[in-house]
Amino acid sequence: MAVPLKKSESDKAANEIEHDYRPINWKRVFLTPKYIPLHIIGILVAVATALITIHHDEVVDKLLPFSEKVRDLPGGFLIPIFILIIISFPPLFGHEIVALLCGIVYGLWIGFGVVSAGTFFGEIGTWFAFKKFLRNKAIKMERTNLNYGAMARITRDGGFWIVFIIRLSVIPSHFSTAVFSTCDVKFWHFTVSTFLTLPKQLILVYLGVLLVQQGKQDSNSTIKTVVFIAAFIITIALGVYIWYKMRKVKKVLLDEQADRRMQRDAAKAYDQVLANDDESMRRQGFI
């Protein structure tokens, strides 16, 4: 009996969280001590990615002996899969660089399989983490973070196809997973859309393949490059589409918040009038 009671208390606490959408305080985001390590990690990952891209020849030469050892290890492909799953709890930086390295080490299709497996199971784990352990935090974000709230609203209204489009777009997958897990998206909708959009990982893996094949371009490589550029453009276009829908929903959310505040203020004013009347009648001896 203790478990249902605990759950009901948790749900009650979540329902008591008021809607309070505010502009993002970027100074607070960047200067809050608890976020500084994440910013440092993000900068390091960005610098590492840039260095790999700029000095790709040296990087490939250094990684080739290591990649051969990893490929020869029994079950060596499980290492990057495990890393991708680990950096999903909580969502951390580094997915892109791991996918890039998989392209260098394993080539296009094996690398894609490795990255897809790590991504899929990592996203499933993130889903359950937010669903079971971070639900109240997610509900608070939905009612205080305008971007989060807007995505949650269009997700609830759009069904499977909007989930699929969001997964296929350039929107960070960990962000969308957190939203989906706490706004009543069906698990099979999430699972199927995540699986069907795994080909998006090909773009990152192929960048690693290109680093190895630099200077060895042929007609097939050119065709692949064109296809992946087109796929990248599609993900950007879908991201713009979702952003446009979220922009309209944000106005609705802010209008609803303004209406709620007006009703709350009116109710408080009415209660105050009644209280004053009661006090006046009490002083006059009518009560």
Protein backbone atom coordinates (compact mmCIF):
# COMPACT_ATOMS: atom_id res chain seq x y z
CA MET A 1 0.00 0.00 0.00
CA ALA A 2 2.95 2.32 0.56
CA VAL A 3 3.94 2.48 -3.11
CA PRO A 4 0.61 3.83 -4.49
CA LEU A 5 0.48 6.38 -1.67
CA LYS A 6 3.98 7.57 -2.50
CA LYS A 7 3.07 7.83 -6.15
CA SER A 8 -0.08 9.83 -5.45
CA GLU A 9 1.87 12.25 -3.24
CA SER A 10 4.42 12.66 -6.03
CA ASP A 11 1.69 13.34 -8.59
CA LYS A 12 0.03 15.82 -6.21
CA ALA A 13 3.31 17.68 -5.77
CA ALA A 14 3.80 17.78 -9.53
CA ASN A 15 0.28 19.11 -10.12
CA GLU A 16 0.89 21.94 -7.64
CA ILE A 17 3.70 23.34 -9.81
CA GLU A 18 2.37 26.55 -11.36
CA HIS A 19 2.97 27.66 -14.93
CA ASP A 20 5.56 30.40 -14.89
CA TYR A 21 7.22 30.88 -18.27
CA ARG A 22 10.08 33.35 -18.11
CA PRO A 23 12.74 34.55 -20.57
CA ILE A 24 15.95 32.54 -20.36
CA ASN A 25 18.49 34.20 -18.09
CA TRP A 26 21.61 33.49 -20.16
CA LYS A 27 23.88 35.07 -17.56
CA ARG A 28 22.56 32.61 -14.99
CA VAL A 29 22.84 29.69 -17.42
CA PHE A 30 26.49 30.38 -18.18
CA LEU A 31 27.67 31.52 -14.74
CA THR A 32 25.83 29.14 -12.39
CA PRO A 33 28.59 27.00 -10.80
CA LYS A 34 26.79 23.67 -11.29
CA TYR A 35 26.59 24.26 -15.06
CA ILE A 36 30.21 25.34 -15.55
CA PRO A 37 31.61 21.76 -15.80
CA LEU A 38 29.08 21.02 -18.57
CA HIS A 39 30.14 24.16 -20.44
CA ILE A 40 33.79 23.15 -20.13
CA ILE A 41 33.04 19.64 -21.43
CA GLY A 42 31.07 21.11 -24.33
CA ILE A 43 33.92 23.45 -25.24
CA LEU A 44 36.46 20.61 -25.06
CA VAL A 45 34.31 18.40 -27.30
CA ALA A 46 33.88 21.24 -29.80
CA VAL A 47 37.63 21.92 -29.81
CA ALA A 48 38.41 18.20 -30.19
CA THR A 49 35.98 17.90 -33.10
CA ALA A 50 37.51 20.96 -34.79
CA LEU A 51 41.04 19.61 -34.31
CA ILE A 52 40.05 16.23 -35.75
CA THR A 53 38.56 17.96 -38.79
CA ILE A 54 41.50 20.32 -39.35
CA HIS A 55 44.29 17.82 -38.64
CA HIS A 56 42.48 14.78 -40.03
CA ASP A 57 45.58 13.26 -41.67
CA GLU A 58 47.56 13.21 -38.42
CA VAL A 59 44.52 11.97 -36.48
CA VAL A 60 43.90 9.12 -38.91
CA ASP A 61 47.58 8.09 -38.82
CA LYS A 62 47.47 8.02 -35.01
CA LEU A 63 44.19 6.13 -34.86
CA LEU A 64 44.89 3.47 -37.50
CA PRO A 65 46.99 1.24 -35.18
CA PHE A 66 44.42 1.66 -32.41
CA SER A 67 41.52 0.99 -34.77
CA GLU A 68 43.13 -2.23 -35.96
CA LYS A 69 43.53 -3.41 -32.35
CA VAL A 70 39.91 -2.54 -31.54
CA ARG A 71 38.63 -4.34 -34.63
CA ASP A 72 40.64 -7.43 -33.70
CA LEU A 73 39.30 -7.53 -30.14
CA PRO A 74 36.56 -10.13 -29.55
CA GLY A 75 33.47 -8.02 -29.03
CA GLY A 76 35.47 -4.83 -29.46
CA PHE A 77 32.48 -3.18 -31.13
CA LEU A 78 30.73 -3.30 -27.73
CA ILE A 79 33.11 -0.63 -26.39
CA PRO A 80 31.69 2.31 -28.40
CA ILE A 81 28.15 0.96 -27.88
CA PHE A 82 28.73 0.99 -24.12
CA ILE A 83 30.21 4.50 -24.28
CA LEU A 84 27.22 5.82 -26.24
CA ILE A 85 24.83 4.33 -23.68
CA ILE A 86 26.80 5.74 -20.74
CA ILE A 87 26.86 9.32 -22.09
CA SER A 88 23.08 9.18 -22.31
CA PHE A 89 22.77 9.16 -18.46
CA PRO A 90 22.38 12.03 -17.99
CA PRO A 91 22.52 13.37 -21.56
CA LEU A 92 26.13 14.45 -22.04
CA PHE A 93 28.28 15.79 -24.86
CA GLY A 94 30.38 13.48 -26.96
CA HIS A 95 27.94 11.48 -29.07
CA GLU A 96 29.11 13.21 -32.24
CA ILE A 97 32.80 12.54 -31.66
CA VAL A 98 32.14 8.86 -30.84
CA ALA A 99 30.15 8.48 -34.07
CA LEU A 100 32.96 10.19 -35.99
CA LEU A 101 35.53 7.80 -34.53
CA CYS A 102 33.32 4.80 -35.36
CA GLY A 103 33.41 5.90 -38.99
CA ILE A 104 37.21 6.04 -38.84
CA VAL A 105 37.59 2.70 -37.05
CA TYR A 106 34.86 0.54 -38.60
CA GLY A 107 33.97 2.18 -41.88
CA LEU A 108 30.52 3.25 -43.01
CA TRP A 109 28.14 0.34 -42.53
CA ILE A 110 29.67 -1.44 -39.54
CA GLY A 111 30.26 1.94 -37.93
CA PHE A 112 26.64 2.86 -38.60
CA GLY A 113 25.46 -0.38 -36.98
CA VAL A 114 27.58 0.25 -33.89
CA VAL A 115 26.43 3.86 -33.51
CA SER A 116 22.80 2.91 -34.15
CA ALA A 117 22.86 0.24 -31.44
CA GLY A 118 24.44 2.58 -28.88
CA THR A 119 22.09 5.41 -29.81
CA PHE A 120 18.94 3.27 -29.73
CA PHE A 121 19.58 1.64 -26.36
CA GLY A 122 20.84 4.93 -24.92
CA GLU A 123 17.64 6.70 -25.95
CA ILE A 124 15.49 3.90 -24.52
CA GLY A 125 17.39 4.22 -21.25
CA THR A 126 16.94 8.00 -21.24
CA TRP A 127 13.21 7.51 -21.81
CA PHE A 128 12.83 5.30 -18.74
CA ALA A 129 15.12 7.50 -16.64
CA PHE A 130 12.91 10.54 -17.20
CA LYS A 131 9.70 8.50 -17.05
CA LYS A 132 10.45 6.83 -13.72
CA PHE A 133 12.93 8.99 -11.84
CA LEU A 134 12.86 12.53 -13.28
CA ARG A 135 9.15 12.96 -13.98
CA ASN A 136 8.58 15.82 -11.50
CA LYS A 137 11.64 17.63 -12.82
CA ALA A 138 10.35 17.26 -16.37
CA ILE A 139 6.87 18.49 -15.39
CA LYS A 140 8.46 21.53 -13.74
CA MET A 141 10.44 22.21 -16.92
CA GLU A 142 7.29 21.90 -19.03
CA ARG A 143 5.60 24.56 -16.88
CA THR A 144 8.55 26.94 -16.59
CA ASN A 145 10.67 26.40 -19.74
CA LEU A 146 8.86 27.85 -22.75
CA ASN A 147 10.74 25.76 -25.34
CA TYR A 148 10.09 22.55 -23.40
CA GLY A 149 6.44 23.44 -22.90
CA ALA A 150 5.93 24.28 -26.58
CA MET A 151 7.44 20.99 -27.75
CA ALA A 152 5.34 19.08 -25.22
CA ARG A 153 2.17 20.76 -26.53
CA ILE A 154 2.82 20.06 -30.21
CA THR A 155 3.81 16.50 -29.32
CA ARG A 156 0.53 15.87 -27.50
CA ASP A 157 -1.46 17.38 -30.35
CA GLY A 158 0.48 15.82 -33.24
CA GLY A 159 0.60 12.08 -32.53
CA PHE A 160 3.05 9.67 -34.14
CA TRP A 161 4.02 11.75 -37.17
CA ILE A 162 5.07 14.79 -35.19
CA VAL A 163 7.17 12.51 -32.97
CA PHE A 164 8.75 11.04 -36.11
CA ILE A 165 9.46 14.48 -37.61
CA ILE A 166 11.03 15.75 -34.39
CA ARG A 167 13.25 12.65 -34.18
CA LEU A 168 14.32 13.08 -37.80
CA SER A 169 15.06 16.79 -37.44
CA VAL A 170 18.21 18.47 -36.19
CA ILE A 171 16.68 18.93 -32.71
CA PRO A 172 18.92 17.21 -30.11
CA SER A 173 17.54 13.72 -29.54
CA HIS A 174 18.13 13.70 -25.76
CA PHE A 175 16.02 16.84 -25.41
CA SER A 176 13.13 15.39 -27.41
CA THR A 177 13.37 12.07 -25.55
CA ALA A 178 12.92 13.86 -22.22
CA VAL A 179 9.84 15.62 -23.59
CA PHE A 180 8.32 12.49 -25.10
CA SER A 181 8.75 10.40 -21.95
CA THR A 182 6.79 12.79 -19.75
CA CYS A 183 3.98 14.06 -22.01
CA ASP A 184 2.10 10.80 -22.58
CA VAL A 185 3.67 9.79 -25.90
CA LYS A 186 3.03 6.09 -26.45
CA PHE A 187 6.16 4.04 -25.93
CA TRP A 188 5.75 2.23 -29.25
CA HIS A 189 5.45 5.60 -31.04
CA PHE A 190 8.75 6.63 -29.49
CA THR A 191 10.46 3.29 -30.16
CA VAL A 192 9.37 3.02 -33.79
CA SER A 193 10.20 6.66 -34.60
CA THR A 194 13.61 6.32 -32.91
CA PHE A 195 14.36 3.16 -34.90
CA LEU A 196 13.17 4.61 -38.22
CA THR A 197 15.27 7.76 -37.79
CA LEU A 198 18.52 5.95 -36.95
CA PRO A 199 19.77 6.55 -40.54
CA LYS A 200 20.35 10.13 -39.37
CA GLN A 201 23.44 8.74 -37.61
CA LEU A 202 24.92 7.92 -41.03
CA ILE A 203 25.83 11.57 -41.49
CA LEU A 204 28.21 11.61 -38.52
CA VAL A 205 29.66 8.18 -39.31
CA TYR A 206 30.25 9.18 -42.92
CA LEU A 207 32.22 12.23 -41.82
CA GLY A 208 34.64 9.84 -40.12
CA VAL A 209 34.80 7.71 -43.27
CA LEU A 210 35.62 10.80 -45.32
CA LEU A 211 38.56 11.58 -43.05
CA VAL A 212 40.05 8.16 -43.84
CA GLN A 213 39.25 8.34 -47.56
CA GLN A 214 40.63 11.84 -48.01
CA GLY A 215 42.34 11.98 -51.36
CA LYS A 216 40.77 8.69 -52.50
CA GLN A 217 37.53 10.08 -53.87
CA ASP A 218 35.74 8.25 -56.68
CA SER A 219 32.35 8.55 -58.36
CA ASN A 220 30.65 6.46 -55.65
CA SER A 221 32.12 8.65 -52.94
CA THR A 222 30.84 11.75 -54.71
CA ILE A 223 27.34 10.28 -54.95
CA LYS A 224 27.38 9.33 -51.27
CA THR A 225 28.54 12.83 -50.34
CA VAL A 226 25.69 14.41 -52.31
CA VAL A 227 23.16 12.06 -50.69
CA PHE A 228 24.40 12.81 -47.19
CA ILE A 229 24.43 16.55 -47.82
CA ALA A 230 20.82 16.26 -48.99
CA ALA A 231 19.94 14.28 -45.85
CA PHE A 232 21.61 16.94 -43.70
CA ILE A 233 19.58 19.66 -45.42
CA ILE A 234 16.38 17.68 -44.79
CA THR A 235 17.11 17.44 -41.06
CA ILE A 236 17.71 21.20 -40.96
CA ALA A 237 14.47 21.88 -42.89
CA LEU A 238 12.46 19.69 -40.53
CA GLY A 239 14.05 21.47 -37.57
CA VAL A 240 12.94 24.83 -39.02
CA TYR A 241 9.42 23.42 -39.50
CA ILE A 242 9.24 22.31 -35.86
CA TRP A 243 10.69 25.66 -34.72
CA TYR A 244 7.96 27.48 -36.67
CA LYS A 245 5.23 25.36 -35.04
CA MET A 246 6.79 25.88 -31.61
CA ARG A 247 6.92 29.62 -32.20
CA LYS A 248 3.15 29.72 -32.74
CA VAL A 249 2.49 27.48 -29.74
CA LYS A 250 4.67 29.68 -27.51
CA LYS A 251 2.30 32.60 -28.12
CA VAL A 252 -0.64 30.38 -27.15
CA LEU A 253 1.11 29.26 -23.96
CA LEU A 254 1.93 32.84 -22.96
CA ASP A 255 -1.67 33.93 -23.64
CA GLU A 256 -2.98 31.04 -21.54
CA GLN A 257 -0.59 31.98 -18.75
CA ALA A 258 -1.78 35.60 -18.85
CA ASP A 259 -5.42 34.45 -18.66
CA ARG A 260 -4.67 32.20 -15.68
CA ARG A 261 -2.97 35.07 -13.86
CA MET A 262 -5.90 37.39 -14.53
CA GLN A 263 -8.35 34.79 -13.21
CA ARG A 264 -6.16 34.16 -10.16
CA ASP A 265 -5.83 37.87 -9.42
CA ALA A 266 -9.59 38.34 -9.86
CA ALA A 267 -10.29 35.45 -7.48
CA LYS A 268 -7.89 36.90 -4.91
CA ALA A 269 -9.52 40.32 -5.21
CA TYR A 270 -12.98 38.78 -4.78
CA ASP A 271 -11.85 36.81 -1.72
CA GLN A 272 -10.37 39.98 -0.26
CA VAL A 273 -13.65 41.86 -0.77
CA LEU A 274 -15.55 39.06 1.00
CA ALA A 275 -13.04 39.07 3.83
CA ASN A 276 -13.38 42.85 4.22
CA ASP A 277 -17.18 42.59 4.23
CA ASP A 278 -17.07 39.88 6.90
CA GLU A 279 -14.74 41.99 9.02
CA SER A 280 -16.97 45.04 8.64
CA MET A 281 -20.09 43.07 9.64
CA ARG A 282 -18.23 41.57 12.59
CA ARG A 283 -17.26 45.02 13.86
CA GLN A 284 -20.85 46.16 13.57
CA GLY A 285 -22.04 43.16 15.55
CA PHE A 286 -23.94 41.44 12.75
CA ILE A 287 -21.73 38.33 13.04
